Amino acid sequence: MTETTLRTIGILLFDGVEELDAVGPWEVLAWWTQHHPEDGYEVVTFSDEGGVVTAAKGLQLVAQDSKASVPALDVLVYPGGRGTRPRLADAAELTWVREQREQVPLMTSVCTGALVYAAAGLLAGRPATTHWGSLDLLRELEPTAEVRERDRFVDDGDLVTASGVSAGIDMALHLVDRLAGRERAQEARRGIQYDPEPPV
């Protein structure tokens, strides 16, 4: 399969992104795409300008692409973290999100990434979730949204939102299931040895 035929899953990075919001889905999706290139997907990271971003707890991550250079996306993963707060009031960012809605077949978010979607008007009248600490803000930003506070993730067809932080792993496994089938998702889950049994 040539590079030009690959379908692209893009994970957005930005200063203040919650580390696991981005790296959790990356681990799942990269494991799948690297072990099964025949499925025709690649996963990339990108940021506003490309290059280094500093995540919420200080981890530095290097985005492979910028918004301008990233390939056309088939799936967008918009993580959360304290870095989403300024983006809620960033008119250019909200315009960009609306443009992605017009172009990207599957929009997804993790944690407070859903707040940016709400601020951009993407969640009007739709079921969604976010981190438990931001459920009220989600309702404030989009009063018509059907907020599902107990759901680990909410799949509404062309829009998937996940609750807080580690829920991005569950959502990413669900994406593999949707895009490549249950067997692939189970293989990826075993590959990253994800079988949560909390010690406390």
C-alpha atoms as a PDB file:
ATOM      1  CA  MET A   1       0.000   0.000   0.000  1.00  0.00           C
ATOM      2  CA  THR A   2       1.452   3.359  -0.976  1.00  0.00           C
ATOM      3  CA  GLU A   3       1.672   6.322   1.345  1.00  0.00           C
ATOM      4  CA  THR A   4      -0.779   8.294  -0.784  1.00  0.00           C
ATOM      5  CA  THR A   5      -3.536   5.771  -0.138  1.00  0.00           C
ATOM      6  CA  LEU A   6      -3.150   5.804   3.644  1.00  0.00           C
ATOM      7  CA  ARG A   7      -5.999   7.118   5.724  1.00  0.00           C
ATOM      8  CA  THR A   8      -4.752   9.442   8.444  1.00  0.00           C
ATOM      9  CA  ILE A   9      -5.651   9.669  12.124  1.00  0.00           C
ATOM     10  CA  GLY A  10      -4.322  12.921  13.554  1.00  0.00           C
ATOM     11  CA  ILE A  11      -3.795  13.586  17.266  1.00  0.00           C
ATOM     12  CA  LEU A  12      -3.653  17.303  18.037  1.00  0.00           C
ATOM     13  CA  LEU A  13      -0.972  18.469  20.481  1.00  0.00           C
ATOM     14  CA  PHE A  14      -0.786  21.852  22.198  1.00  0.00           C
ATOM     15  CA  ASP A  15       0.832  23.450  25.217  1.00  0.00           C
ATOM     16  CA  GLY A  16      -0.965  22.270  28.333  1.00  0.00           C
ATOM     17  CA  VAL A  17      -2.362  19.106  26.740  1.00  0.00           C
ATOM     18  CA  GLU A  18      -2.952  16.362  29.302  1.00  0.00           C
ATOM     19  CA  GLU A  19      -0.245  13.800  28.618  1.00  0.00           C
ATOM     20  CA  LEU A  20      -2.324  10.615  28.739  1.00  0.00           C
ATOM     21  CA  ASP A  21      -5.149  12.205  26.738  1.00  0.00           C
ATOM     22  CA  ALA A  22      -2.805  12.221  23.747  1.00  0.00           C
ATOM     23  CA  VAL A  23      -0.327   9.447  24.500  1.00  0.00           C
ATOM     24  CA  GLY A  24      -2.972   6.879  25.524  1.00  0.00           C
ATOM     25  CA  PRO A  25      -4.765   6.970  22.161  1.00  0.00           C
ATOM     26  CA  TRP A  26      -1.385   7.177  20.409  1.00  0.00           C
ATOM     27  CA  GLU A  27      -0.247   3.938  22.086  1.00  0.00           C
ATOM     28  CA  VAL A  28      -3.359   2.064  20.972  1.00  0.00           C
ATOM     29  CA  LEU A  29      -3.583   3.480  17.466  1.00  0.00           C
ATOM     30  CA  ALA A  30       0.141   3.296  16.736  1.00  0.00           C
ATOM     31  CA  TRP A  31       0.306  -0.305  17.953  1.00  0.00           C
ATOM     32  CA  TRP A  32      -2.527  -1.207  15.591  1.00  0.00           C
ATOM     33  CA  THR A  33      -1.296   0.724  12.543  1.00  0.00           C
ATOM     34  CA  GLN A  34       2.303  -0.450  12.897  1.00  0.00           C
ATOM     35  CA  HIS A  35       1.363  -4.100  13.372  1.00  0.00           C
ATOM     36  CA  HIS A  36      -1.245  -4.053  10.607  1.00  0.00           C
ATOM     37  CA  PRO A  37      -0.192  -1.623   7.883  1.00  0.00           C
ATOM     38  CA  GLU A  38      -2.366  -3.598   5.506  1.00  0.00           C
ATOM     39  CA  ASP A  39      -5.410  -2.005   7.178  1.00  0.00           C
ATOM     40  CA  GLY A  40      -4.437   1.234   5.460  1.00  0.00           C
ATOM     41  CA  TYR A  41      -4.226   3.682   8.372  1.00  0.00           C
ATOM     42  CA  GLU A  42      -1.472   5.833   9.815  1.00  0.00           C
ATOM     43  CA  VAL A  43      -1.497   7.877  13.005  1.00  0.00           C
ATOM     44  CA  VAL A  44       0.339  11.195  13.241  1.00  0.00           C
ATOM     45  CA  THR A  45       0.678  14.021  15.721  1.00  0.00           C
ATOM     46  CA  PHE A  46       0.384  17.687  14.804  1.00  0.00           C
ATOM     47  CA  SER A  47       0.173  21.034  16.532  1.00  0.00           C
ATOM     48  CA  ASP A  48      -0.574  24.624  15.578  1.00  0.00           C
ATOM     49  CA  GLU A  49       2.935  25.243  14.255  1.00  0.00           C
ATOM     50  CA  GLY A  50       4.594  21.815  14.575  1.00  0.00           C
ATOM     51  CA  GLY A  51       7.574  21.063  16.797  1.00  0.00           C
ATOM     52  CA  VAL A  52       7.795  20.907  20.576  1.00  0.00           C
ATOM     53  CA  VAL A  53       4.856  21.401  22.916  1.00  0.00           C
ATOM     54  CA  THR A  54       4.982  21.258  26.701  1.00  0.00           C
ATOM     55  CA  ALA A  55       2.210  19.140  28.172  1.00  0.00           C
ATOM     56  CA  ALA A  56       0.278  19.795  31.381  1.00  0.00           C
ATOM     57  CA  LYS A  57       2.707  18.078  33.741  1.00  0.00           C
ATOM     58  CA  GLY A  58       5.858  19.159  31.954  1.00  0.00           C
ATOM     59  CA  LEU A  59       6.431  16.340  29.465  1.00  0.00           C
ATOM     60  CA  GLN A  60       7.689  17.705  26.164  1.00  0.00           C
ATOM     61  CA  LEU A  61       6.249  16.184  23.021  1.00  0.00           C
ATOM     62  CA  VAL A  62       7.309  16.767  19.431  1.00  0.00           C
ATOM     63  CA  ALA A  63       4.517  17.148  16.891  1.00  0.00           C
ATOM     64  CA  GLN A  64       5.357  15.583  13.533  1.00  0.00           C
ATOM     65  CA  ASP A  65       3.359  18.140  11.579  1.00  0.00           C
ATOM     66  CA  SER A  66       1.727  21.526  11.824  1.00  0.00           C
ATOM     67  CA  LYS A  67      -1.903  22.253  11.022  1.00  0.00           C
ATOM     68  CA  ALA A  68      -0.696  23.449   7.631  1.00  0.00           C
ATOM     69  CA  SER A  69       1.404  20.381   6.806  1.00  0.00           C
ATOM     70  CA  VAL A  70      -0.604  17.523   8.291  1.00  0.00           C
ATOM     71  CA  PRO A  71      -2.177  15.226   5.668  1.00  0.00           C
ATOM     72  CA  ALA A  72      -5.929  15.411   5.130  1.00  0.00           C
ATOM     73  CA  LEU A  73      -7.480  13.727   8.149  1.00  0.00           C
ATOM     74  CA  ASP A  74      -9.935  10.860   8.244  1.00  0.00           C
ATOM     75  CA  VAL A  75     -10.062  10.951  12.051  1.00  0.00           C
ATOM     76  CA  LEU A  76      -9.228  13.827  14.395  1.00  0.00           C
ATOM     77  CA  VAL A  77      -8.404  13.187  18.064  1.00  0.00           C
ATOM     78  CA  TYR A  78      -8.686  16.392  20.131  1.00  0.00           C
ATOM     79  CA  PRO A  79      -7.260  15.767  23.624  1.00  0.00           C
ATOM     80  CA  GLY A  80      -7.968  17.776  26.760  1.00  0.00           C
ATOM     81  CA  GLY A  81      -5.984  19.318  29.567  1.00  0.00           C
ATOM     82  CA  ARG A  82      -5.647  22.775  31.053  1.00  0.00           C
ATOM     83  CA  GLY A  83      -4.364  23.937  27.678  1.00  0.00           C
ATOM     84  CA  THR A  84      -7.887  23.735  26.298  1.00  0.00           C
ATOM     85  CA  ARG A  85      -9.055  26.675  28.423  1.00  0.00           C
ATOM     86  CA  PRO A  86      -7.534  29.466  26.319  1.00  0.00           C
ATOM     87  CA  ARG A  87      -8.635  27.651  23.190  1.00  0.00           C
ATOM     88  CA  LEU A  88     -12.288  27.972  24.251  1.00  0.00           C
ATOM     89  CA  ALA A  89     -12.100  31.706  23.618  1.00  0.00           C
ATOM     90  CA  ASP A  90      -9.737  31.575  20.634  1.00  0.00           C
ATOM     91  CA  ALA A  91     -11.829  32.591  17.628  1.00  0.00           C
ATOM     92  CA  ALA A  92      -9.264  31.275  15.142  1.00  0.00           C
ATOM     93  CA  GLU A  93      -9.118  27.896  16.880  1.00  0.00           C
ATOM     94  CA  LEU A  94     -12.907  27.567  16.959  1.00  0.00           C
ATOM     95  CA  THR A  95     -13.080  28.471  13.275  1.00  0.00           C
ATOM     96  CA  TRP A  96     -10.459  25.800  12.553  1.00  0.00           C
ATOM     97  CA  VAL A  97     -12.498  23.215  14.502  1.00  0.00           C
ATOM     98  CA  ARG A  98     -15.621  24.095  12.497  1.00  0.00           C
ATOM     99  CA  GLU A  99     -13.628  23.741   9.281  1.00  0.00           C
ATOM    100  CA  GLN A 100     -12.483  20.295  10.394  1.00  0.00           C
ATOM    101  CA  ARG A 101     -16.096  19.340  11.028  1.00  0.00           C
ATOM    102  CA  GLU A 102     -16.774  20.092   7.351  1.00  0.00           C
ATOM    103  CA  GLN A 103     -13.819  18.034   6.130  1.00  0.00           C
ATOM    104  CA  VAL A 104     -13.035  15.247   8.613  1.00  0.00           C
ATOM    105  CA  PRO A 105     -15.377  12.237   8.583  1.00  0.00           C
ATOM    106  CA  LEU A 106     -14.826  11.273  12.228  1.00  0.00           C
ATOM    107  CA  MET A 107     -14.227  13.833  14.990  1.00  0.00           C
ATOM    108  CA  THR A 108     -13.212  12.540  18.416  1.00  0.00           C
ATOM    109  CA  SER A 109     -12.189  14.109  21.716  1.00  0.00           C
ATOM    110  CA  VAL A 110     -10.724  13.048  25.022  1.00  0.00           C
ATOM    111  CA  CYS A 111     -11.476  14.709  28.345  1.00  0.00           C
ATOM    112  CA  THR A 112     -11.899  18.497  28.033  1.00  0.00           C
ATOM    113  CA  GLY A 113     -11.282  18.411  24.311  1.00  0.00           C
ATOM    114  CA  ALA A 114     -15.071  18.113  24.236  1.00  0.00           C
ATOM    115  CA  LEU A 115     -15.294  21.627  25.682  1.00  0.00           C
ATOM    116  CA  VAL A 116     -13.602  23.018  22.581  1.00  0.00           C
ATOM    117  CA  TYR A 117     -16.061  21.126  20.415  1.00  0.00           C
ATOM    118  CA  ALA A 118     -18.902  22.560  22.495  1.00  0.00           C
ATOM    119  CA  ALA A 119     -17.546  26.097  22.201  1.00  0.00           C
ATOM    120  CA  ALA A 120     -17.328  25.611  18.430  1.00  0.00           C
ATOM    121  CA  GLY A 121     -20.967  24.490  18.275  1.00  0.00           C
ATOM    122  CA  LEU A 122     -20.292  20.870  17.353  1.00  0.00           C
ATOM    123  CA  LEU A 123     -22.203  19.367  20.275  1.00  0.00           C
ATOM    124  CA  ALA A 124     -25.525  21.153  19.774  1.00  0.00           C
ATOM    125  CA  GLY A 125     -28.308  18.647  20.410  1.00  0.00           C
ATOM    126  CA  ARG A 126     -25.893  15.732  20.573  1.00  0.00           C
ATOM    127  CA  PRO A 127     -24.901  13.249  23.284  1.00  0.00           C
ATOM    128  CA  ALA A 128     -21.419  13.786  24.687  1.00  0.00           C
ATOM    129  CA  THR A 129     -19.224  13.424  27.733  1.00  0.00           C
ATOM    130  CA  THR A 130     -16.074  14.917  29.234  1.00  0.00           C
ATOM    131  CA  HIS A 131     -13.998  14.780  32.416  1.00  0.00           C
ATOM    132  CA  TRP A 132     -16.225  14.567  35.503  1.00  0.00           C
ATOM    133  CA  GLY A 133     -14.847  17.864  36.787  1.00  0.00           C
ATOM    134  CA  SER A 134     -15.963  19.704  33.639  1.00  0.00           C
ATOM    135  CA  LEU A 135     -19.460  18.328  33.125  1.00  0.00           C
ATOM    136  CA  ASP A 136     -21.101  21.529  34.355  1.00  0.00           C
ATOM    137  CA  LEU A 137     -18.911  23.636  32.083  1.00  0.00           C
ATOM    138  CA  LEU A 138     -19.867  21.428  29.163  1.00  0.00           C
ATOM    139  CA  ARG A 139     -23.535  22.073  29.970  1.00  0.00           C
ATOM    140  CA  GLU A 140     -22.832  25.794  30.226  1.00  0.00           C
ATOM    141  CA  LEU A 141     -21.028  25.912  26.902  1.00  0.00           C
ATOM    142  CA  GLU A 142     -23.691  23.852  25.099  1.00  0.00           C
ATOM    143  CA  PRO A 143     -27.017  23.760  26.984  1.00  0.00           C
ATOM    144  CA  THR A 144     -28.620  21.595  24.287  1.00  0.00           C
ATOM    145  CA  ALA A 145     -26.062  18.792  24.569  1.00  0.00           C
ATOM    146  CA  GLU A 146     -27.193  15.513  26.118  1.00  0.00           C
ATOM    147  CA  VAL A 147     -24.444  15.172  28.707  1.00  0.00           C
ATOM    148  CA  ARG A 148     -23.804  11.547  29.618  1.00  0.00           C
ATOM    149  CA  GLU A 149     -21.838  11.840  32.812  1.00  0.00           C
ATOM    150  CA  ARG A 150     -21.569   8.107  33.520  1.00  0.00           C
ATOM    151  CA  ASP A 151     -20.370   7.003  30.096  1.00  0.00           C
ATOM    152  CA  ARG A 152     -16.700   6.170  29.536  1.00  0.00           C
ATOM    153  CA  PHE A 153     -17.125   7.342  25.939  1.00  0.00           C
ATOM    154  CA  VAL A 154     -20.058   8.294  23.735  1.00  0.00           C
ATOM    155  CA  ASP A 155     -20.199   7.237  20.082  1.00  0.00           C
ATOM    156  CA  ASP A 156     -22.653   9.344  18.100  1.00  0.00           C
ATOM    157  CA  GLY A 157     -21.654   8.227  14.638  1.00  0.00           C
ATOM    158  CA  ASP A 158     -19.383  10.904  13.198  1.00  0.00           C
ATOM    159  CA  LEU A 159     -18.594  12.280  16.651  1.00  0.00           C
ATOM    160  CA  VAL A 160     -17.054  10.366  19.566  1.00  0.00           C
ATOM    161  CA  THR A 161     -16.278  11.943  22.941  1.00  0.00           C
ATOM    162  CA  ALA A 162     -14.456  10.276  25.821  1.00  0.00           C
ATOM    163  CA  SER A 163     -14.492  11.158  29.502  1.00  0.00           C
ATOM    164  CA  GLY A 164     -11.332  11.891  31.465  1.00  0.00           C
ATOM    165  CA  VAL A 165      -7.698  11.063  30.753  1.00  0.00           C
ATOM    166  CA  SER A 166      -7.383   7.239  30.719  1.00  0.00           C
ATOM    167  CA  ALA A 167     -10.764   6.946  28.970  1.00  0.00           C
ATOM    168  CA  GLY A 168      -8.922   7.909  25.792  1.00  0.00           C
ATOM    169  CA  ILE A 169      -7.431   4.414  25.767  1.00  0.00           C
ATOM    170  CA  ASP A 170     -10.906   2.868  25.839  1.00  0.00           C
ATOM    171  CA  MET A 171     -12.088   5.213  23.111  1.00  0.00           C
ATOM    172  CA  ALA A 172      -9.074   4.413  20.931  1.00  0.00           C
ATOM    173  CA  LEU A 173      -9.712   0.681  21.269  1.00  0.00           C
ATOM    174  CA  HIS A 174     -13.305   1.384  20.261  1.00  0.00           C
ATOM    175  CA  LEU A 175     -12.009   3.260  17.204  1.00  0.00           C
ATOM    176  CA  VAL A 176      -9.894   0.265  16.201  1.00  0.00           C
ATOM    177  CA  ASP A 177     -13.017  -1.886  16.573  1.00  0.00           C
ATOM    178  CA  ARG A 178     -14.977   0.504  14.356  1.00  0.00           C
ATOM    179  CA  LEU A 179     -12.297   0.946  11.722  1.00  0.00           C
ATOM    180  CA  ALA A 180     -10.752  -2.518  11.552  1.00  0.00           C
ATOM    181  CA  GLY A 181     -12.946  -4.928  13.501  1.00  0.00           C
ATOM    182  CA  ARG A 182     -13.220  -6.576  16.888  1.00  0.00           C
ATOM    183  CA  GLU A 183     -10.336  -8.982  16.331  1.00  0.00           C
ATOM    184  CA  ARG A 184      -7.929  -6.103  15.667  1.00  0.00           C
ATOM    185  CA  ALA A 185      -9.148  -4.234  18.745  1.00  0.00           C
ATOM    186  CA  GLN A 186      -8.719  -7.285  20.948  1.00  0.00           C
ATOM    187  CA  GLU A 187      -5.248  -7.844  19.532  1.00  0.00           C
ATOM    188  CA  ALA A 188      -4.263  -4.247  20.246  1.00  0.00           C
ATOM    189  CA  ARG A 189      -5.659  -4.482  23.766  1.00  0.00           C
ATOM    190  CA  ARG A 190      -3.575  -7.573  24.408  1.00  0.00           C
ATOM    191  CA  GLY A 191      -0.571  -6.043  22.688  1.00  0.00           C
ATOM    192  CA  ILE A 192      -0.459  -3.097  25.089  1.00  0.00           C
ATOM    193  CA  GLN A 193      -1.501  -5.392  27.965  1.00  0.00           C
ATOM    194  CA  TYR A 194      -4.465  -3.209  28.892  1.00  0.00           C
ATOM    195  CA  ASP A 195      -6.587  -5.081  31.404  1.00  0.00           C
ATOM    196  CA  PRO A 196      -7.391  -2.648  34.206  1.00  0.00           C
ATOM    197  CA  GLU A 197      -7.610  -4.006  37.721  1.00  0.00           C
ATOM    198  CA  PRO A 198      -7.152  -0.968  39.976  1.00  0.00           C
ATOM    199  CA  PRO A 199      -5.047  -1.771  43.064  1.00  0.00           C
ATOM    200  CA  VAL A 200      -7.121   0.516  45.304  1.00  0.00           C
END
